[in-house]
PDB file of all heavy atoms in Angstrom:
ATOM      1  N   GLU A   1     256.394 185.983-130.671  1.00  0.00           N
ATOM      2  CA  GLU A   1     256.266 185.141-131.849  1.00  0.00           C
ATOM      3  C   GLU A   1     255.029 184.256-131.735  1.00  0.00           C
ATOM      4  O   GLU A   1     254.621 183.858-130.660  1.00  0.00           O
ATOM      5  CB  GLU A   1     257.520 184.258-132.023  1.00  0.00           C
ATOM      6  CG  GLU A   1     258.795 185.045-132.223  1.00  0.00           C
ATOM      7  CD  GLU A   1     260.006 184.130-132.350  1.00  0.00           C
ATOM      8  OE1 GLU A   1     259.855 182.909-132.092  1.00  0.00           O
ATOM      9  OE2 GLU A   1     261.094 184.630-132.689  1.00  0.00           O
ATOM     10  N   ALA A   2     254.466 183.931-132.895  1.00  0.00           N
ATOM     11  CA  ALA A   2     253.333 182.998-132.972  1.00  0.00           C
ATOM     12  C   ALA A   2     253.866 181.653-133.459  1.00  0.00           C
ATOM     13  O   ALA A   2     254.593 181.584-134.443  1.00  0.00           O
ATOM     14  CB  ALA A   2     252.279 183.529-133.936  1.00  0.00           C
ATOM     15  N   ARG A   3     253.495 180.581-132.746  1.00  0.00           N
ATOM     16  CA  ARG A   3     253.955 179.256-133.152  1.00  0.00           C
ATOM     17  C   ARG A   3     252.982 178.205-132.645  1.00  0.00           C
ATOM     18  O   ARG A   3     252.206 178.434-131.722  1.00  0.00           O
ATOM     19  CB  ARG A   3     255.354 178.979-132.621  1.00  0.00           C
ATOM     20  CG  ARG A   3     255.473 178.990-131.107  1.00  0.00           C
ATOM     21  CD  ARG A   3     256.895 178.620-130.688  1.00  0.00           C
ATOM     22  NE  ARG A   3     257.104 178.663-129.255  1.00  0.00           N
ATOM     23  CZ  ARG A   3     256.749 177.707-128.418  1.00  0.00           C
ATOM     24  NH1 ARG A   3     256.127 176.632-128.860  1.00  0.00           N
ATOM     25  NH2 ARG A   3     257.009 177.817-127.118  1.00  0.00           N
ATOM     26  N   TYR A   4     253.044 177.037-133.262  1.00  0.00           N
ATOM     27  CA  TYR A   4     252.181 175.939-132.851  1.00  0.00           C
ATOM     28  C   TYR A   4     252.746 175.252-131.619  1.00  0.00           C
ATOM     29  O   TYR A   4     253.961 175.041-131.512  1.00  0.00           O
ATOM     30  CB  TYR A   4     252.015 174.918-133.986  1.00  0.00           C
ATOM     31  CG  TYR A   4     251.222 175.474-135.133  1.00  0.00           C
ATOM     32  CD1 TYR A   4     251.852 175.895-136.301  1.00  0.00           C
ATOM     33  CD2 TYR A   4     249.847 175.602-135.053  1.00  0.00           C
ATOM     34  CE1 TYR A   4     251.125 176.436-137.351  1.00  0.00           C
ATOM     35  CE2 TYR A   4     249.112 176.132-136.091  1.00  0.00           C
ATOM     36  CZ  TYR A   4     249.754 176.554-137.248  1.00  0.00           C
ATOM     37  OH  TYR A   4     249.040 177.100-138.273  1.00  0.00           O
ATOM     38  N   GLY A   5     251.872 174.911-130.717  1.00  0.00           N
ATOM     39  CA  GLY A   5     252.284 174.196-129.519  1.00  0.00           C
ATOM     40  C   GLY A   5     252.372 172.710-129.761  1.00  0.00           C
ATOM     41  O   GLY A   5     251.900 172.190-130.778  1.00  0.00           O
ATOM     42  N   ALA A   6     252.965 172.017-128.806  1.00  0.00           N
ATOM     43  CA  ALA A   6     253.144 170.564-128.911  1.00  0.00           C
ATOM     44  C   ALA A   6     252.168 169.806-128.032  1.00  0.00           C
ATOM     45  O   ALA A   6     252.221 168.577-127.965  1.00  0.00           O
ATOM     46  CB  ALA A   6     254.574 170.194-128.534  1.00  0.00           C
ATOM     47  N   GLY A   7     251.251 170.525-127.367  1.00  0.00           N
ATOM     48  CA  GLY A   7     250.278 169.871-126.530  1.00  0.00           C
ATOM     49  C   GLY A   7     249.091 169.356-127.313  1.00  0.00           C
ATOM     50  O   GLY A   7     249.058 169.407-128.550  1.00  0.00           O
ATOM     51  N   GLU A   8     248.076 168.869-126.597  1.00  0.00           N
ATOM     52  CA  GLU A   8     246.885 168.303-127.234  1.00  0.00           C
ATOM     53  C   GLU A   8     246.121 169.389-127.998  1.00  0.00           C
ATOM     54  O   GLU A   8     245.820 170.451-127.472  1.00  0.00           O
ATOM     55  CB  GLU A   8     245.971 167.671-126.199  1.00  0.00           C
ATOM     56  CG  GLU A   8     244.732 167.031-126.773  1.00  0.00           C
ATOM     57  CD  GLU A   8     243.806 166.451-125.716  1.00  0.00           C
ATOM     58  OE1 GLU A   8     244.149 166.550-124.514  1.00  0.00           O
ATOM     59  OE2 GLU A   8     242.745 165.925-126.084  1.00  0.00           O
ATOM     60  N   ALA A   9     245.809 169.119-129.262  1.00  0.00           N
ATOM     61  CA  ALA A   9     245.082 170.081-130.095  1.00  0.00           C
ATOM     62  C   ALA A   9     243.570 169.945-129.893  1.00  0.00           C
ATOM     63  O   ALA A   9     243.065 168.866-129.522  1.00  0.00           O
ATOM     64  CB  ALA A   9     245.445 169.891-131.555  1.00  0.00           C
ATOM     65  N   PHE A  10     242.852 171.008-130.150  1.00  0.00           N
ATOM     66  CA  PHE A  10     241.388 170.981-130.065  1.00  0.00           C
ATOM     67  C   PHE A  10     240.837 172.018-131.031  1.00  0.00           C
ATOM     68  O   PHE A  10     241.555 172.879-131.513  1.00  0.00           O
ATOM     69  CB  PHE A  10     240.921 171.251-128.632  1.00  0.00           C
ATOM     70  CG  PHE A  10     241.224 172.651-128.136  1.00  0.00           C
ATOM     71  CD1 PHE A  10     240.271 173.655-128.188  1.00  0.00           C
ATOM     72  CD2 PHE A  10     242.471 172.959-127.611  1.00  0.00           C
ATOM     73  CE1 PHE A  10     240.551 174.928-127.735  1.00  0.00           C
ATOM     74  CE2 PHE A  10     242.771 174.236-127.150  1.00  0.00           C
ATOM     75  CZ  PHE A  10     241.807 175.216-127.210  1.00  0.00           C
ATOM     76  N   LYS A  11     239.549 171.936-131.276  1.00  0.00           N
ATOM     77  CA  LYS A  11     238.872 172.916-132.140  1.00  0.00           C
ATOM     78  C   LYS A  11     237.900 173.747-131.313  1.00  0.00           C
ATOM     79  O   LYS A  11     237.398 173.305-130.275  1.00  0.00           O
ATOM     80  CB  LYS A  11     238.111 172.194-133.268  1.00  0.00           C
ATOM     81  CG  LYS A  11     238.970 171.780-134.454  1.00  0.00           C
ATOM     82  CD  LYS A  11     238.088 171.245-135.564  1.00  0.00           C
ATOM     83  CE  LYS A  11     238.851 171.073-136.871  1.00  0.00           C
ATOM     84  NZ  LYS A  11     239.885 170.036-136.780  1.00  0.00           N
ATOM     85  N   ALA A  12     237.637 174.935-131.802  1.00  0.00           N
ATOM     86  CA  ALA A  12     236.562 175.756-131.219  1.00  0.00           C
ATOM     87  C   ALA A  12     235.221 175.151-131.609  1.00  0.00           C
ATOM     88  O   ALA A  12     235.134 174.285-132.480  1.00  0.00           O
ATOM     89  CB  ALA A  12     236.688 177.188-131.707  1.00  0.00           C
ATOM     90  N   PHE A  13     234.158 175.662-130.951  1.00  0.00           N
ATOM     91  CA  PHE A  13     232.815 175.093-131.140  1.00  0.00           C
ATOM     92  C   PHE A  13     231.834 176.219-131.402  1.00  0.00           C
ATOM     93  O   PHE A  13     231.851 177.261-130.748  1.00  0.00           O
ATOM     94  CB  PHE A  13     232.417 174.320-129.883  1.00  0.00           C
ATOM     95  CG  PHE A  13     231.118 173.557-130.008  1.00  0.00           C
ATOM     96  CD1 PHE A  13     231.088 172.329-130.662  1.00  0.00           C
ATOM     97  CD2 PHE A  13     229.945 174.068-129.482  1.00  0.00           C
ATOM     98  CE1 PHE A  13     229.889 171.628-130.771  1.00  0.00           C
ATOM     99  CE2 PHE A  13     228.754 173.371-129.601  1.00  0.00           C
ATOM    100  CZ  PHE A  13     228.732 172.148-130.242  1.00  0.00           C
ATOM    101  N   ASP A  14     230.972 176.003-132.393  1.00  0.00           N
ATOM    102  CA  ASP A  14     229.901 176.937-132.716  1.00  0.00           C
ATOM    103  C   ASP A  14     228.638 176.484-131.970  1.00  0.00           C
ATOM    104  O   ASP A  14     228.009 175.492-132.356  1.00  0.00           O
ATOM    105  CB  ASP A  14     229.654 176.935-134.238  1.00  0.00           C
ATOM    106  CG  ASP A  14     228.576 177.923-134.670  1.00  0.00           C
ATOM    107  OD1 ASP A  14     227.702 178.246-133.839  1.00  0.00           O
ATOM    108  OD2 ASP A  14     228.611 178.349-135.827  1.00  0.00           O
ATOM    109  N   PRO A  15     228.235 177.174-130.886  1.00  0.00           N
ATOM    110  CA  PRO A  15     227.091 176.724-130.105  1.00  0.00           C
ATOM    111  C   PRO A  15     225.751 176.869-130.825  1.00  0.00           C
ATOM    112  O   PRO A  15     224.788 176.204-130.458  1.00  0.00           O
ATOM    113  CB  PRO A  15     227.149 177.585-128.844  1.00  0.00           C
ATOM    114  CG  PRO A  15     227.846 178.821-129.285  1.00  0.00           C
ATOM    115  CD  PRO A  15     228.830 178.401-130.327  1.00  0.00           C
ATOM    116  N   THR A  16     225.703 177.733-131.824  1.00  0.00           N
ATOM    117  CA  THR A  16     224.443 177.922-132.555  1.00  0.00           C
ATOM    118  C   THR A  16     224.188 176.768-133.509  1.00  0.00           C
ATOM    119  O   THR A  16     223.080 176.219-133.569  1.00  0.00           O
ATOM    120  CB  THR A  16     224.470 179.248-133.341  1.00  0.00           C
ATOM    121  OG1 THR A  16     224.705 180.332-132.422  1.00  0.00           O
ATOM    122  CG2 THR A  16     223.157 179.485-134.038  1.00  0.00           C
ATOM    123  N   LEU A  17     225.224 176.366-134.240  1.00  0.00           N
ATOM    124  CA  LEU A  17     225.077 175.279-135.197  1.00  0.00           C
ATOM    125  C   LEU A  17     225.405 173.912-134.598  1.00  0.00           C
ATOM    126  O   LEU A  17     225.071 172.882-135.180  1.00  0.00           O
ATOM    127  CB  LEU A  17     225.974 175.524-136.408  1.00  0.00           C
ATOM    128  CG  LEU A  17     225.697 176.794-137.221  1.00  0.00           C
ATOM    129  CD1 LEU A  17     226.683 176.915-138.369  1.00  0.00           C
ATOM    130  CD2 LEU A  17     224.254 176.796-137.732  1.00  0.00           C
ATOM    131  N   GLY A  18     226.104 173.923-133.457  1.00  0.00           N
ATOM    132  CA  GLY A  18     226.494 172.667-132.842  1.00  0.00           C
ATOM    133  C   GLY A  18     227.597 171.955-133.602  1.00  0.00           C
ATOM    134  O   GLY A  18     227.651 170.734-133.619  1.00  0.00           O
ATOM    135  N   THR A  19     228.502 172.729-134.214  1.00  0.00           N
ATOM    136  CA  THR A  19     229.574 172.141-135.009  1.00  0.00           C
ATOM    137  C   THR A  19     230.918 172.704-134.583  1.00  0.00           C
ATOM    138  O   THR A  19     231.008 173.789-134.024  1.00  0.00           O
ATOM    139  CB  THR A  19     229.376 172.444-136.507  1.00  0.00           C
ATOM    140  OG1 THR A  19     229.305 173.873-136.695  1.00  0.00           O
ATOM    141  CG2 THR A  19     228.094 171.810-137.012  1.00  0.00           C
ATOM    142  N   GLU A  20     231.992 171.956-134.865  1.00  0.00           N
ATOM    143  CA  GLU A  20     233.332 172.433-134.602  1.00  0.00           C
ATOM    144  C   GLU A  20     233.760 173.423-135.662  1.00  0.00           C
ATOM    145  O   GLU A  20     233.239 173.444-136.780  1.00  0.00           O
ATOM    146  CB  GLU A  20     234.314 171.262-134.538  1.00  0.00           C
ATOM    147  CG  GLU A  20     234.119 170.367-133.322  1.00  0.00           C
ATOM    148  CD  GLU A  20     235.180 169.289-133.237  1.00  0.00           C
ATOM    149  OE1 GLU A  20     235.661 168.830-134.304  1.00  0.00           O
ATOM    150  OE2 GLU A  20     235.556 168.900-132.105  1.00  0.00           O
ATOM    151  N   ILE A  21     234.737 174.280-135.308  1.00  0.00           N
ATOM    152  CA  ILE A  21     235.207 175.341-136.194  1.00  0.00           C
ATOM    153  C   ILE A  21     236.698 175.175-136.400  1.00  0.00           C
ATOM    154  O   ILE A  21     237.455 174.998-135.437  1.00  0.00           O
ATOM    155  CB  ILE A  21     234.925 176.741-135.594  1.00  0.00           C
ATOM    156  CG1 ILE A  21     233.549 176.828-134.957  1.00  0.00           C
ATOM    157  CG2 ILE A  21     235.097 177.820-136.657  1.00  0.00           C
ATOM    158  CD1 ILE A  21     233.376 178.037-134.057  1.00  0.00           C
ATOM    159  N   ALA A  22     237.130 175.275-137.632  1.00  0.00           N
ATOM    160  CA  ALA A  22     238.570 175.262-137.929  1.00  0.00           C
ATOM    161  C   ALA A  22     239.185 176.591-137.496  1.00  0.00           C
ATOM    162  O   ALA A  22     238.483 177.603-137.391  1.00  0.00           O
ATOM    163  CB  ALA A  22     238.784 175.026-139.413  1.00  0.00           C
ATOM    164  N   PRO A  23     240.494 176.620-137.249  1.00  0.00           N
ATOM    165  CA  PRO A  23     241.460 175.545-137.376  1.00  0.00           C
ATOM    166  C   PRO A  23     241.630 174.803-136.056  1.00  0.00           C
ATOM    167  O   PRO A  23     240.956 175.123-135.059  1.00  0.00           O
ATOM    168  CB  PRO A  23     242.753 176.287-137.727  1.00  0.00           C
ATOM    169  CG  PRO A  23     242.634 177.561-136.909  1.00  0.00           C
ATOM    170  CD  PRO A  23     241.160 177.920-136.956  1.00  0.00           C
ATOM    171  N   ASP A  24     242.556 173.858-136.019  1.00  0.00           N
ATOM    172  CA  ASP A  24     242.954 173.246-134.763  1.00  0.00           C
ATOM    173  C   ASP A  24     243.736 174.269-133.942  1.00  0.00           C
ATOM    174  O   ASP A  24     244.517 175.055-134.482  1.00  0.00           O
ATOM    175  CB  ASP A  24     243.864 172.030-135.002  1.00  0.00           C
ATOM    176  CG  ASP A  24     243.079 170.824-135.478  1.00  0.00           C
ATOM    177  OD1 ASP A  24     241.848 170.808-135.317  1.00  0.00           O
ATOM    178  OD2 ASP A  24     243.701 169.888-136.018  1.00  0.00           O
ATOM    179  N   PHE A  25     243.518 174.237-132.619  1.00  0.00           N
ATOM    180  CA  PHE A  25     244.300 175.081-131.713  1.00  0.00           C
ATOM    181  C   PHE A  25     245.325 174.215-131.028  1.00  0.00           C
ATOM    182  O   PHE A  25     244.993 173.219-130.393  1.00  0.00           O
ATOM    183  CB  PHE A  25     243.390 175.776-130.695  1.00  0.00           C
ATOM    184  CG  PHE A  25     242.616 176.891-131.315  1.00  0.00           C
ATOM    185  CD1 PHE A  25     241.405 176.638-131.957  1.00  0.00           C
ATOM    186  CD2 PHE A  25     243.097 178.188-131.306  1.00  0.00           C
ATOM    187  CE1 PHE A  25     240.703 177.652-132.582  1.00  0.00           C
ATOM    188  CE2 PHE A  25     242.392 179.208-131.927  1.00  0.00           C
ATOM    189  CZ  PHE A  25     241.195 178.939-132.559  1.00  0.00           C
ATOM    190  N   ALA A  26     246.580 174.584-131.198  1.00  0.00           N
ATOM    191  CA  ALA A  26     247.675 173.796-130.650  1.00  0.00           C
ATOM    192  C   ALA A  26     247.808 174.059-129.167  1.00  0.00           C
ATOM    193  O   ALA A  26     248.150 175.180-128.760  1.00  0.00           O
ATOM    194  CB  ALA A  26     248.981 174.156-131.367  1.00  0.00           C
ATOM    195  N   GLY A  27     247.479 173.080-128.376  1.00  0.00           N
ATOM    196  CA  GLY A  27     247.564 173.248-126.934  1.00  0.00           C
ATOM    197  C   GLY A  27     249.003 173.421-126.473  1.00  0.00           C
ATOM    198  O   GLY A  27     249.953 172.937-127.089  1.00  0.00           O
ATOM    199  N   ALA A  28     249.170 174.142-125.380  1.00  0.00           N
ATOM    200  CA  ALA A  28     250.484 174.315-124.785  1.00  0.00           C
ATOM    201  C   ALA A  28     250.877 173.078-124.002  1.00  0.00           C
ATOM    202  O   ALA A  28     250.029 172.263-123.614  1.00  0.00           O
ATOM    203  CB  ALA A  28     250.477 175.535-123.875  1.00  0.00           C
ATOM    204  N   ASN A  29     252.174 172.921-123.769  1.00  0.00           N
ATOM    205  CA  ASN A  29     252.656 171.878-122.865  1.00  0.00           C
ATOM    206  C   ASN A  29     253.466 172.541-121.756  1.00  0.00           C
ATOM    207  O   ASN A  29     253.589 173.768-121.688  1.00  0.00           O
ATOM    208  CB  ASN A  29     253.459 170.812-123.611  1.00  0.00           C
ATOM    209  CG  ASN A  29     254.702 171.365-124.289  1.00  0.00           C
ATOM    210  OD1 ASN A  29     255.164 172.463-123.965  1.00  0.00           O
ATOM    211  ND2 ASN A  29     255.256 170.607-125.219  1.00  0.00           N
ATOM    212  N   LEU A  30     254.040 171.736-120.879  1.00  0.00           N
ATOM    213  CA  LEU A  30     254.742 172.292-119.728  1.00  0.00           C
ATOM    214  C   LEU A  30     255.994 173.055-120.133  1.00  0.00           C
ATOM    215  O   LEU A  30     256.394 174.005-119.441  1.00  0.00           O
ATOM    216  CB  LEU A  30     255.077 171.184-118.738  1.00  0.00           C
ATOM    217  CG  LEU A  30     253.858 170.475-118.111  1.00  0.00           C
ATOM    218  CD1 LEU A  30     254.300 169.407-117.124  1.00  0.00           C
ATOM    219  CD2 LEU A  30     252.933 171.483-117.422  1.00  0.00           C
ATOM    220  N   ASP A  31     256.621 172.677-121.235  1.00  0.00           N
ATOM    221  CA  ASP A  31     257.759 173.448-121.725  1.00  0.00           C
ATOM    222  C   ASP A  31     257.329 174.861-122.123  1.00  0.00           C
ATOM    223  O   ASP A  31     258.049 175.836-121.873  1.00  0.00           O
ATOM    224  CB  ASP A  31     258.421 172.750-122.916  1.00  0.00           C
ATOM    225  CG  ASP A  31     259.265 171.554-122.503  1.00  0.00           C
ATOM    226  OD1 ASP A  31     259.684 171.511-121.314  1.00  0.00           O
ATOM    227  OD2 ASP A  31     259.491 170.668-123.337  1.00  0.00           O
ATOM    228  N   ASP A  32     256.158 174.966-122.761  1.00  0.00           N
ATOM    229  CA  ASP A  32     255.647 176.292-123.137  1.00  0.00           C
ATOM    230  C   ASP A  32     255.400 177.143-121.891  1.00  0.00           C
ATOM    231  O   ASP A  32     255.653 178.355-121.906  1.00  0.00           O
ATOM    232  CB  ASP A  32     254.351 176.140-123.935  1.00  0.00           C
ATOM    233  CG  ASP A  32     254.557 175.439-125.260  1.00  0.00           C
ATOM    234  OD1 ASP A  32     255.546 175.746-125.942  1.00  0.00           O
ATOM    235  OD2 ASP A  32     253.729 174.569-125.588  1.00  0.00           O
ATOM    236  N   VAL A  33     254.882 176.526-120.842  1.00  0.00           N
ATOM    237  CA  VAL A  33     254.671 177.242-119.587  1.00  0.00           C
ATOM    238  C   VAL A  33     255.976 177.783-119.054  1.00  0.00           C
ATOM    239  O   VAL A  33     256.089 178.971-118.666  1.00  0.00           O
ATOM    240  CB  VAL A  33     253.994 176.330-118.549  1.00  0.00           C
ATOM    241  CG1 VAL A  33     253.993 176.979-117.156  1.00  0.00           C
ATOM    242  CG2 VAL A  33     252.569 175.993-118.967  1.00  0.00           C
ATOM    243  N   ARG A  34     256.994 176.935-119.026  1.00  0.00           N
ATOM    244  CA  ARG A  34     258.300 177.357-118.483  1.00  0.00           C
ATOM    245  C   ARG A  34     258.899 178.490-119.327  1.00  0.00           C
ATOM    246  O   ARG A  34     259.445 179.452-118.788  1.00  0.00           O
ATOM    247  CB  ARG A  34     259.250 176.162-118.426  1.00  0.00           C
ATOM    248  CG  ARG A  34     258.935 175.202-117.290  1.00  0.00           C
ATOM    249  CD  ARG A  34     260.019 174.150-117.129  1.00  0.00           C
ATOM    250  NE  ARG A  34     259.921 173.133-118.174  1.00  0.00           N
ATOM    251  CZ  ARG A  34     259.230 172.005-118.065  1.00  0.00           C
ATOM    252  NH1 ARG A  34     258.543 171.770-116.953  1.00  0.00           N
ATOM    253  NH2 ARG A  34     259.203 171.123-119.046  1.00  0.00           N
ATOM    254  N   ILE A  35     258.762 178.391-120.639  1.00  0.00           N
ATOM    255  CA  ILE A  35     259.330 179.429-121.510  1.00  0.00           C
ATOM    256  C   ILE A  35     258.583 180.746-121.306  1.00  0.00           C
ATOM    257  O   ILE A  35     259.209 181.811-121.160  1.00  0.00           O
ATOM    258  CB  ILE A  35     259.257 178.983-122.981  1.00  0.00           C
ATOM    259  CG1 ILE A  35     260.197 177.798-123.221  1.00  0.00           C
ATOM    260  CG2 ILE A  35     259.620 180.138-123.920  1.00  0.00           C
ATOM    261  CD1 ILE A  35     260.009 177.128-124.575  1.00  0.00           C
TER     262      ILE A  35
END
């Protein structure tokens, strides 16, 4: 299954333009690791 994590979110980065790229990536937490 695909689902959003509860850890710290971050965005990808475009190194050519020097800008962030949508969407936010939902970071995993320790519960996600255990599961």
